PDB file of N, CA and C in Angstrom:
ATOM      1  N   MET A   1       0.853  -1.172   0.000  1.00  0.00           N
ATOM      2  CA  MET A   1       0.000   0.000   0.000  1.00  0.00           C
ATOM      3  C   MET A   1       0.897   1.233   0.000  1.00  0.00           C
ATOM      4  N   CYS A   2       0.528   2.231  -0.707  1.00  0.00           N
ATOM      5  CA  CYS A   2       1.247   3.496  -0.710  1.00  0.00           C
ATOM      6  C   CYS A   2       0.392   4.547  -0.021  1.00  0.00           C
ATOM      7  N   LEU A   3       0.897   5.061   1.075  1.00  0.00           N
ATOM      8  CA  LEU A   3       0.176   6.068   1.842  1.00  0.00           C
ATOM      9  C   LEU A   3       0.715   7.454   1.555  1.00  0.00           C
ATOM     10  N   ALA A   4      -0.093   8.449   1.796  1.00  0.00           N
ATOM     11  CA  ALA A   4       0.385   9.826   1.882  1.00  0.00           C
ATOM     12  C   ALA A   4       0.639  10.057   3.365  1.00  0.00           C
ATOM     13  N   VAL A   5       1.901  10.279   3.734  1.00  0.00           N
ATOM     14  CA  VAL A   5       2.315  10.307   5.126  1.00  0.00           C
ATOM     15  C   VAL A   5       2.816  11.698   5.495  1.00  0.00           C
ATOM     16  N   PRO A   6       2.411  12.217   6.653  1.00  0.00           N
ATOM     17  CA  PRO A   6       2.923  13.512   7.086  1.00  0.00           C
ATOM     18  C   PRO A   6       4.354  13.391   7.595  1.00  0.00           C
ATOM     19  N   GLY A   7       5.155  14.393   7.272  1.00  0.00           N
ATOM     20  CA  GLY A   7       6.533  14.417   7.736  1.00  0.00           C
ATOM     21  C   GLY A   7       6.986  15.837   8.005  1.00  0.00           C
ATOM     22  N   ARG A   8       8.021  15.962   8.847  1.00  0.00           N
ATOM     23  CA  ARG A   8       8.572  17.269   9.233  1.00  0.00           C
ATOM     24  C   ARG A   8       9.862  17.515   8.471  1.00  0.00           C
ATOM     25  N   VAL A   9       9.965  18.677   7.860  1.00  0.00           N
ATOM     26  CA  VAL A   9      11.142  19.041   7.067  1.00  0.00           C
ATOM     27  C   VAL A   9      12.310  19.341   8.010  1.00  0.00           C
ATOM     28  N   LEU A  10      13.400  18.612   7.823  1.00  0.00           N
ATOM     29  CA  LEU A  10      14.597  18.804   8.642  1.00  0.00           C
ATOM     30  C   LEU A  10      15.593  19.765   8.002  1.00  0.00           C
ATOM     31  N   ASP A  11      15.767  19.633   6.694  1.00  0.00           N
ATOM     32  CA  ASP A  11      16.621  20.575   5.972  1.00  0.00           C
ATOM     33  C   ASP A  11      16.233  20.593   4.501  1.00  0.00           C
ATOM     34  N   ILE A  12      16.646  21.651   3.837  1.00  0.00           N
ATOM     35  CA  ILE A  12      16.297  21.860   2.424  1.00  0.00           C
ATOM     36  C   ILE A  12      17.559  22.211   1.665  1.00  0.00           C
ATOM     37  N   GLU A  13      17.672  21.692   0.450  1.00  0.00           N
ATOM     38  CA  GLU A  13      18.793  22.040  -0.424  1.00  0.00           C
ATOM     39  C   GLU A  13      18.359  21.962  -1.882  1.00  0.00           C
ATOM     40  N   GLU A  14      19.109  22.613  -2.702  1.00  0.00           N
ATOM     41  CA  GLU A  14      18.869  22.588  -4.152  1.00  0.00           C
ATOM     42  C   GLU A  14      19.792  21.529  -4.739  1.00  0.00           C
ATOM     43  N   ARG A  15      19.232  20.591  -5.510  1.00  0.00           N
ATOM     44  CA  ARG A  15      20.028  19.555  -6.154  1.00  0.00           C
ATOM     45  C   ARG A  15      19.696  19.498  -7.626  1.00  0.00           C
ATOM     46  N   ASP A  16      20.661  19.852  -8.440  1.00  0.00           N
ATOM     47  CA  ASP A  16      20.473  19.822  -9.895  1.00  0.00           C
ATOM     48  C   ASP A  16      19.233  20.601 -10.314  1.00  0.00           C
ATOM     49  N   GLY A  17      19.015  21.748  -9.671  1.00  0.00           N
ATOM     50  CA  GLY A  17      17.896  22.608 -10.023  1.00  0.00           C
ATOM     51  C   GLY A  17      16.572  22.198  -9.417  1.00  0.00           C
ATOM     52  N   THR A  18      16.586  21.199  -8.543  1.00  0.00           N
ATOM     53  CA  THR A  18      15.359  20.718  -7.902  1.00  0.00           C
ATOM     54  C   THR A  18      15.458  20.938  -6.404  1.00  0.00           C
ATOM     55  N   ARG A  19      14.413  21.504  -5.828  1.00  0.00           N
ATOM     56  CA  ARG A  19      14.379  21.751  -4.383  1.00  0.00           C
ATOM     57  C   ARG A  19      14.038  20.448  -3.669  1.00  0.00           C
ATOM     58  N   MET A  20      14.973  19.977  -2.835  1.00  0.00           N
ATOM     59  CA  MET A  20      14.817  18.712  -2.125  1.00  0.00           C
ATOM     60  C   MET A  20      14.917  18.941  -0.625  1.00  0.00           C
ATOM     61  N   ALA A  21      14.300  18.048   0.148  1.00  0.00           N
ATOM     62  CA  ALA A  21      14.340  18.156   1.604  1.00  0.00           C
ATOM     63  C   ALA A  21      14.597  16.799   2.225  1.00  0.00           C
ATOM     64  N   THR A  22      15.202  16.838   3.391  1.00  0.00           N
ATOM     65  CA  THR A  22      15.282  15.664   4.248  1.00  0.00           C
ATOM     66  C   THR A  22      14.088  15.775   5.184  1.00  0.00           C
ATOM     67  N   VAL A  23      13.253  14.726   5.218  1.00  0.00           N
ATOM     68  CA  VAL A  23      11.998  14.774   5.963  1.00  0.00           C
ATOM     69  C   VAL A  23      11.941  13.608   6.946  1.00  0.00           C
ATOM     70  N   ASP A  24      11.493  13.911   8.168  1.00  0.00           N
ATOM     71  CA  ASP A  24      11.354  12.919   9.226  1.00  0.00           C
ATOM     72  C   ASP A  24       9.893  12.481   9.321  1.00  0.00           C
ATOM     73  N   PHE A  25       9.667  11.183   9.140  1.00  0.00           N
ATOM     74  CA  PHE A  25       8.330  10.597   9.231  1.00  0.00           C
ATOM     75  C   PHE A  25       8.245   9.776  10.516  1.00  0.00           C
ATOM     76  N   GLY A  26       8.227  10.448  11.646  1.00  0.00           N
ATOM     77  CA  GLY A  26       8.122   9.738  12.916  1.00  0.00           C
ATOM     78  C   GLY A  26       9.288   8.818  13.193  1.00  0.00           C
ATOM     79  N   GLY A  27      10.489   9.243  12.830  1.00  0.00           N
ATOM     80  CA  GLY A  27      11.686   8.448  13.081  1.00  0.00           C
ATOM     81  C   GLY A  27      12.314   7.864  11.829  1.00  0.00           C
ATOM     82  N   VAL A  28      11.594   7.811  10.756  1.00  0.00           N
ATOM     83  CA  VAL A  28      12.134   7.361   9.471  1.00  0.00           C
ATOM     84  C   VAL A  28      12.431   8.602   8.649  1.00  0.00           C
ATOM     85  N   VAL A  29      13.669   8.719   8.173  1.00  0.00           N
ATOM     86  CA  VAL A  29      14.092   9.914   7.436  1.00  0.00           C
ATOM     87  C   VAL A  29      14.273   9.560   5.969  1.00  0.00           C
ATOM     88  N   LYS A  30      13.660  10.357   5.110  1.00  0.00           N
ATOM     89  CA  LYS A  30      13.721  10.131   3.653  1.00  0.00           C
ATOM     90  C   LYS A  30      13.963  11.450   2.933  1.00  0.00           C
ATOM     91  N   GLU A  31      14.428  11.352   1.695  1.00  0.00           N
ATOM     92  CA  GLU A  31      14.574  12.516   0.822  1.00  0.00           C
ATOM     93  C   GLU A  31      13.269  12.731   0.069  1.00  0.00           C
ATOM     94  N   VAL A  32      12.851  14.004  -0.036  1.00  0.00           N
ATOM     95  CA  VAL A  32      11.555  14.350  -0.625  1.00  0.00           C
ATOM     96  C   VAL A  32      11.718  15.541  -1.559  1.00  0.00           C
ATOM     97  N   CYS A  33      11.017  15.506  -2.675  1.00  0.00           N
ATOM     98  CA  CYS A  33      11.006  16.625  -3.617  1.00  0.00           C
ATOM     99  C   CYS A  33       9.993  17.668  -3.155  1.00  0.00           C
ATOM    100  N   LEU A  34      10.402  18.948  -3.177  1.00  0.00           N
ATOM    101  CA  LEU A  34       9.528  20.044  -2.741  1.00  0.00           C
ATOM    102  C   LEU A  34       9.012  20.896  -3.893  1.00  0.00           C
ATOM    103  N   GLU A  35       9.112  20.434  -5.098  1.00  0.00           N
ATOM    104  CA  GLU A  35       8.722  21.254  -6.247  1.00  0.00           C
ATOM    105  C   GLU A  35       7.252  21.663  -6.238  1.00  0.00           C
ATOM    106  N   TYR A  36       6.383  20.858  -5.637  1.00  0.00           N
ATOM    107  CA  TYR A  36       4.963  21.223  -5.579  1.00  0.00           C
ATOM    108  C   TYR A  36       4.657  22.202  -4.448  1.00  0.00           C
ATOM    109  N   LEU A  37       5.580  22.338  -3.498  1.00  0.00           N
ATOM    110  CA  LEU A  37       5.432  23.280  -2.377  1.00  0.00           C
ATOM    111  C   LEU A  37       6.701  24.118  -2.263  1.00  0.00           C
ATOM    112  N   PRO A  38       6.930  25.018  -3.203  1.00  0.00           N
ATOM    113  CA  PRO A  38       8.193  25.750  -3.248  1.00  0.00           C
ATOM    114  C   PRO A  38       8.443  26.669  -2.058  1.00  0.00           C
ATOM    115  N   ASP A  39       7.405  27.011  -1.293  1.00  0.00           N
ATOM    116  CA  ASP A  39       7.607  27.899  -0.147  1.00  0.00           C
ATOM    117  C   ASP A  39       7.659  27.157   1.191  1.00  0.00           C
ATOM    118  N   LEU A  40       7.657  25.822   1.184  1.00  0.00           N
ATOM    119  CA  LEU A  40       7.747  25.042   2.415  1.00  0.00           C
ATOM    120  C   LEU A  40       9.103  25.307   3.067  1.00  0.00           C
ATOM    121  N   GLN A  41       9.104  25.445   4.405  1.00  0.00           N
ATOM    122  CA  GLN A  41      10.307  25.806   5.142  1.00  0.00           C
ATOM    123  C   GLN A  41      10.700  24.706   6.135  1.00  0.00           C
ATOM    124  N   VAL A  42      11.961  24.747   6.572  1.00  0.00           N
ATOM    125  CA  VAL A  42      12.453  23.830   7.597  1.00  0.00           C
ATOM    126  C   VAL A  42      11.572  23.964   8.842  1.00  0.00           C
ATOM    127  N   GLY A  43      11.204  22.830   9.423  1.00  0.00           N
ATOM    128  CA  GLY A  43      10.366  22.802  10.615  1.00  0.00           C
ATOM    129  C   GLY A  43       8.888  22.638  10.322  1.00  0.00           C
ATOM    130  N   GLU A  44       8.474  22.893   9.090  1.00  0.00           N
ATOM    131  CA  GLU A  44       7.063  22.730   8.731  1.00  0.00           C
ATOM    132  C   GLU A  44       6.787  21.269   8.377  1.00  0.00           C
ATOM    133  N   TYR A  45       5.498  20.941   8.379  1.00  0.00           N
ATOM    134  CA  TYR A  45       5.044  19.588   8.051  1.00  0.00           C
ATOM    135  C   TYR A  45       4.350  19.598   6.695  1.00  0.00           C
ATOM    136  N   ALA A  46       4.470  18.465   6.004  1.00  0.00           N
ATOM    137  CA  ALA A  46       3.788  18.306   4.724  1.00  0.00           C
ATOM    138  C   ALA A  46       3.339  16.862   4.580  1.00  0.00           C
ATOM    139  N   ILE A  47       2.299  16.672   3.807  1.00  0.00           N
ATOM    140  CA  ILE A  47       1.875  15.329   3.431  1.00  0.00           C
ATOM    141  C   ILE A  47       2.704  14.934   2.210  1.00  0.00           C
ATOM    142  N   VAL A  48       3.315  13.760   2.291  1.00  0.00           N
ATOM    143  CA  VAL A  48       4.221  13.290   1.242  1.00  0.00           C
ATOM    144  C   VAL A  48       3.681  11.989   0.658  1.00  0.00           C
ATOM    145  N   HIS A  49       3.681  11.921  -0.655  1.00  0.00           N
ATOM    146  CA  HIS A  49       3.263  10.704  -1.356  1.00  0.00           C
ATOM    147  C   HIS A  49       4.281  10.413  -2.446  1.00  0.00           C
ATOM    148  N   VAL A  50       4.751   9.188  -2.488  1.00  0.00           N
ATOM    149  CA  VAL A  50       5.757   8.705  -3.445  1.00  0.00           C
ATOM    150  C   VAL A  50       6.910   9.704  -3.652  1.00  0.00           C
ATOM    151  N   GLY A  51       7.380  10.265  -2.559  1.00  0.00           N
ATOM    152  CA  GLY A  51       8.563  11.119  -2.619  1.00  0.00           C
ATOM    153  C   GLY A  51       8.315  12.576  -2.941  1.00  0.00           C
ATOM    154  N   PHE A  52       7.062  12.993  -3.031  1.00  0.00           N
ATOM    155  CA  PHE A  52       6.730  14.390  -3.333  1.00  0.00           C
ATOM    156  C   PHE A  52       5.891  14.985  -2.210  1.00  0.00           C
ATOM    157  N   ALA A  53       6.312  16.150  -1.702  1.00  0.00           N
ATOM    158  CA  ALA A  53       5.508  16.888  -0.726  1.00  0.00           C
ATOM    159  C   ALA A  53       4.342  17.504  -1.488  1.00  0.00           C
ATOM    160  N   LEU A  54       3.123  17.191  -1.048  1.00  0.00           N
ATOM    161  CA  LEU A  54       1.943  17.609  -1.798  1.00  0.00           C
ATOM    162  C   LEU A  54       1.126  18.709  -1.133  1.00  0.00           C
ATOM    163  N   GLN A  55       1.137  18.733   0.202  1.00  0.00           N
ATOM    164  CA  GLN A  55       0.300  19.710   0.901  1.00  0.00           C
ATOM    165  C   GLN A  55       0.891  20.007   2.268  1.00  0.00           C
ATOM    166  N   ARG A  56       0.887  21.280   2.641  1.00  0.00           N
ATOM    167  CA  ARG A  56       1.331  21.700   3.974  1.00  0.00           C
ATOM    168  C   ARG A  56       0.317  21.207   4.999  1.00  0.00           C
ATOM    169  N   LEU A  57       0.804  20.882   6.200  1.00  0.00           N
ATOM    170  CA  LEU A  57      -0.054  20.351   7.252  1.00  0.00           C
ATOM    171  C   LEU A  57       0.388  20.951   8.578  1.00  0.00           C
ATOM    172  N   ASP A  58      -0.573  21.247   9.464  1.00  0.00           N
ATOM    173  CA  ASP A  58      -0.201  21.795  10.765  1.00  0.00           C
ATOM    174  C   ASP A  58       0.400  20.689  11.636  1.00  0.00           C
ATOM    175  N   GLU A  59       1.216  21.099  12.607  1.00  0.00           N
ATOM    176  CA  GLU A  59       1.954  20.150  13.444  1.00  0.00           C
ATOM    177  C   GLU A  59       1.047  19.193  14.204  1.00  0.00           C
ATOM    178  N   GLU A  60      -0.019  19.693  14.797  1.00  0.00           N
ATOM    179  CA  GLU A  60      -0.912  18.843  15.583  1.00  0.00           C
ATOM    180  C   GLU A  60      -1.538  17.743  14.730  1.00  0.00           C
ATOM    181  N   SER A  61      -2.030  18.103  13.551  1.00  0.00           N
ATOM    182  CA  SER A  61      -2.630  17.108  12.651  1.00  0.00           C
ATOM    183  C   SER A  61      -1.597  16.081  12.205  1.00  0.00           C
ATOM    184  N   ALA A  62      -0.389  16.547  11.911  1.00  0.00           N
ATOM    185  CA  ALA A  62       0.675  15.649  11.474  1.00  0.00           C
ATOM    186  C   ALA A  62       1.008  14.634  12.566  1.00  0.00           C
ATOM    187  N   LYS A  63       1.165  15.116  13.805  1.00  0.00           N
ATOM    188  CA  LYS A  63       1.512  14.221  14.905  1.00  0.00           C
ATOM    189  C   LYS A  63       0.397  13.227  15.200  1.00  0.00           C
ATOM    190  N   GLN A  64      -0.848  13.662  15.154  1.00  0.00           N
ATOM    191  CA  GLN A  64      -1.976  12.752  15.376  1.00  0.00           C
ATOM    192  C   GLN A  64      -2.010  11.658  14.313  1.00  0.00           C
ATOM    193  N   THR A  65      -1.786  12.055  13.075  1.00  0.00           N
ATOM    194  CA  THR A  65      -1.806  11.084  11.978  1.00  0.00           C
ATOM    195  C   THR A  65      -0.661  10.093  12.112  1.00  0.00           C
ATOM    196  N   LEU A  66       0.549  10.582  12.427  1.00  0.00           N
ATOM    197  CA  LEU A  66       1.691   9.682  12.595  1.00  0.00           C
ATOM    198  C   LEU A  66       1.459   8.703  13.745  1.00  0.00           C
ATOM    199  N   GLU A  67       0.879   9.166  14.845  1.00  0.00           N
ATOM    200  CA  GLU A  67       0.576   8.282  15.972  1.00  0.00           C
ATOM    201  C   GLU A  67      -0.422   7.201  15.564  1.00  0.00           C
ATOM    202  N   LEU A  68      -1.449   7.595  14.834  1.00  0.00           N
ATOM    203  CA  LEU A  68      -2.451   6.634  14.374  1.00  0.00           C
ATOM    204  C   LEU A  68      -1.827   5.609  13.431  1.00  0.00           C
ATOM    205  N   PHE A  69      -1.038   6.068  12.465  1.00  0.00           N
ATOM    206  CA  PHE A  69      -0.366   5.149  11.545  1.00  0.00           C
ATOM    207  C   PHE A  69       0.525   4.177  12.301  1.00  0.00           C
ATOM    208  N   ALA A  70       1.259   4.678  13.318  1.00  0.00           N
ATOM    209  CA  ALA A  70       2.146   3.817  14.107  1.00  0.00           C
ATOM    210  C   ALA A  70       1.331   2.772  14.862  1.00  0.00           C
ATOM    211  N   GLU A  71       0.225   3.178  15.480  1.00  0.00           N
ATOM    212  CA  GLU A  71      -0.640   2.239  16.214  1.00  0.00           C
ATOM    213  C   GLU A  71      -1.162   1.138  15.302  1.00  0.00           C
ATOM    214  N   LEU A  72      -1.490   1.502  14.079  1.00  0.00           N
ATOM    215  CA  LEU A  72      -2.036   0.537  13.121  1.00  0.00           C
ATOM    216  C   LEU A  72      -0.957  -0.276  12.411  1.00  0.00           C
ATOM    217  N   GLY A  73       0.315   0.044  12.667  1.00  0.00           N
ATOM    218  CA  GLY A  73       1.409  -0.663  12.009  1.00  0.00           C
ATOM    219  C   GLY A  73       1.641  -0.218  10.582  1.00  0.00           C
ATOM    220  N   MET A  74       1.023   0.878  10.204  1.00  0.00           N
ATOM    221  CA  MET A  74       1.113   1.322   8.808  1.00  0.00           C
ATOM    222  C   MET A  74       2.456   1.972   8.489  1.00  0.00           C
ATOM    223  N   LEU A  75       3.124   2.562   9.475  1.00  0.00           N
ATOM    224  CA  LEU A  75       4.448   3.139   9.208  1.00  0.00           C
ATOM    225  C   LEU A  75       5.447   2.030   8.907  1.00  0.00           C
ATOM    226  N   GLN A  76       5.369   0.937   9.664  1.00  0.00           N
ATOM    227  CA  GLN A  76       6.257  -0.195   9.399  1.00  0.00           C
ATOM    228  C   GLN A  76       5.981  -0.760   8.009  1.00  0.00           C
ATOM    229  N   GLU A  77       4.693  -0.861   7.670  1.00  0.00           N
ATOM    230  CA  GLU A  77       4.318  -1.373   6.351  1.00  0.00           C
ATOM    231  C   GLU A  77       4.852  -0.467   5.241  1.00  0.00           C
ATOM    232  N   GLU A  78       4.766   0.838   5.453  1.00  0.00           N
ATOM    233  CA  GLU A  78       5.182   1.798   4.438  1.00  0.00           C
ATOM    234  C   GLU A  78       6.697   1.939   4.342  1.00  0.00           C
ATOM    235  N   PHE A  79       7.377   1.957   5.512  1.00  0.00           N
ATOM    236  CA  PHE A  79       8.804   2.265   5.532  1.00  0.00           C
ATOM    237  C   PHE A  79       9.696   1.133   5.995  1.00  0.00           C
ATOM    238  N   GLY A  80       9.106   0.022   6.417  1.00  0.00           N
ATOM    239  CA  GLY A  80       9.907  -1.069   6.958  1.00  0.00           C
ATOM    240  C   GLY A  80      10.754  -1.756   5.896  1.00  0.00           C
ATOM    241  N   ASP A  81      11.687  -2.549   6.358  1.00  0.00           N
ATOM    242  CA  ASP A  81      12.573  -3.311   5.488  1.00  0.00           C
ATOM    243  C   ASP A  81      11.759  -4.427   4.826  1.00  0.00           C
ATOM    244  N   PRO A  82      11.634  -4.422   3.502  1.00  0.00           N
ATOM    245  CA  PRO A  82      10.799  -5.432   2.831  1.00  0.00           C
ATOM    246  C   PRO A  82      11.306  -6.856   3.037  1.00  0.00           C
ATOM    247  N   TRP A  83      12.623  -7.036   3.197  1.00  0.00           N
ATOM    248  CA  TRP A  83      13.177  -8.371   3.421  1.00  0.00           C
ATOM    249  C   TRP A  83      12.766  -8.891   4.792  1.00  0.00           C
ATOM    250  N   GLU A  84      12.835  -8.018   5.798  1.00  0.00           N
ATOM    251  CA  GLU A  84      12.416  -8.422   7.143  1.00  0.00           C
ATOM    252  C   GLU A  84      10.924  -8.732   7.177  1.00  0.00           C
ATOM    253  N   MET A  85      10.125  -7.915   6.498  1.00  0.00           N
ATOM    254  CA  MET A  85       8.681  -8.155   6.475  1.00  0.00           C
ATOM    255  C   MET A  85       8.365  -9.468   5.776  1.00  0.00           C
ATOM    256  N   ALA A  86       9.077  -9.791   4.684  1.00  0.00           N
ATOM    257  CA  ALA A  86       8.848 -11.054   3.976  1.00  0.00           C
ATOM    258  C   ALA A  86       9.231 -12.239   4.859  1.00  0.00           C
ATOM    259  N   ALA A  87      10.333 -12.105   5.600  1.00  0.00           N
ATOM    260  CA  ALA A  87      10.746 -13.175   6.517  1.00  0.00           C
ATOM    261  C   ALA A  87       9.691 -13.385   7.591  1.00  0.00           C
ATOM    262  N   ALA A  88       9.159 -12.285   8.143  1.00  0.00           N
ATOM    263  CA  ALA A  88       8.127 -12.388   9.184  1.00  0.00           C
ATOM    264  C   ALA A  88       6.877 -13.069   8.635  1.00  0.00           C
ATOM    265  N   GLU A  89       6.481 -12.717   7.423  1.00  0.00           N
ATOM    266  CA  GLU A  89       5.300 -13.335   6.807  1.00  0.00           C
ATOM    267  C   GLU A  89       5.520 -14.815   6.558  1.00  0.00           C
ATOM    268  N   ALA A  90       6.788 -15.199   6.306  1.00  0.00           N
ATOM    269  CA  ALA A  90       7.112 -16.603   6.065  1.00  0.00           C
ATOM    270  C   ALA A  90       7.272 -17.391   7.366  1.00  0.00           C
ATOM    271  N   GLY A  91       7.148 -16.690   8.508  1.00  0.00           N
ATOM    272  CA  GLY A  91       7.268 -17.360   9.791  1.00  0.00           C
ATOM    273  C   GLY A  91       8.697 -17.577  10.238  1.00  0.00           C
ATOM    274  N   VAL A  92       9.613 -16.799   9.668  1.00  0.00           N
ATOM    275  CA  VAL A  92      11.029 -16.901  10.012  1.00  0.00           C
ATOM    276  C   VAL A  92      11.372 -15.745  10.938  1.00  0.00           C
ATOM    277  N   ASP A  93      12.127 -16.023  12.008  1.00  0.00           N
ATOM    278  CA  ASP A  93      12.460 -14.987  12.968  1.00  0.00           C
ATOM    279  C   ASP A  93      13.368 -13.905  12.403  1.00  0.00           C
ATOM    280  N   SER A  94      14.315 -14.297  11.546  1.00  0.00           N
ATOM    281  CA  SER A  94      15.239 -13.310  11.004  1.00  0.00           C
ATOM    282  C   SER A  94      15.797 -13.799   9.679  1.00  0.00           C
ATOM    283  N   LEU A  95      16.369 -12.881   8.932  1.00  0.00           N
ATOM    284  CA  LEU A  95      17.012 -13.259   7.669  1.00  0.00           C
ATOM    285  C   LEU A  95      18.242 -14.113   7.938  1.00  0.00           C
ATOM    286  N   GLU A  96      18.891 -13.894   9.069  1.00  0.00           N
ATOM    287  CA  GLU A  96      20.070 -14.688   9.427  1.00  0.00           C
ATOM    288  C   GLU A  96      19.706 -16.165   9.548  1.00  0.00           C
ATOM    289  N   GLU A  97      18.515 -16.430  10.093  1.00  0.00           N
ATOM    290  CA  GLU A  97      18.038 -17.803  10.219  1.00  0.00           C
ATOM    291  C   GLU A  97      17.899 -18.447   8.839  1.00  0.00           C
ATOM    292  N   VAL A  98      17.397 -17.694   7.856  1.00  0.00           N
ATOM    293  CA  VAL A  98      17.251 -18.214   6.502  1.00  0.00           C
ATOM    294  C   VAL A  98      18.620 -18.502   5.896  1.00  0.00           C
ATOM    295  N   ARG A  99      19.558 -17.579   6.106  1.00  0.00           N
ATOM    296  CA  ARG A  99      20.911 -17.749   5.550  1.00  0.00           C
ATOM    297  C   ARG A  99      21.609 -18.977   6.131  1.00  0.00           C
ATOM    298  N   ASN A 100      21.341 -19.298   7.401  1.00  0.00           N
ATOM    299  CA  ASN A 100      22.025 -20.402   8.082  1.00  0.00           C
ATOM    300  C   ASN A 100      21.410 -21.754   7.785  1.00  0.00           C
ATOM    301  N   GLN A 101      20.321 -21.797   7.042  1.00  0.00           N
ATOM    302  CA  GLN A 101      19.664 -23.080   6.755  1.00  0.00           C
ATOM    303  C   GLN A 101      20.332 -23.790   5.608  1.00  0.00           C
TER     304      GLN A 101
END
């Protein structure tokens, strides 16, 4: 599933003519394109979908949404390690266990 997830802008830089930001999604940090929100500033929150900041969001709404996603396990689903998730679905405790078989 691909969610639109709120995140807080940590820093902004220009890369090859494109405005990019480092964004924190409740502990997971990713690079995000800011071309759709050219006036977004460090410390502000935005809803991000497939690597693009799409809409500014107030801090309270962002935090409530991140808490709800975390409770539902949706942040892990969205940002978790796909290899670890596949191992868990297969009933294996860790990838190391698979390698040692």
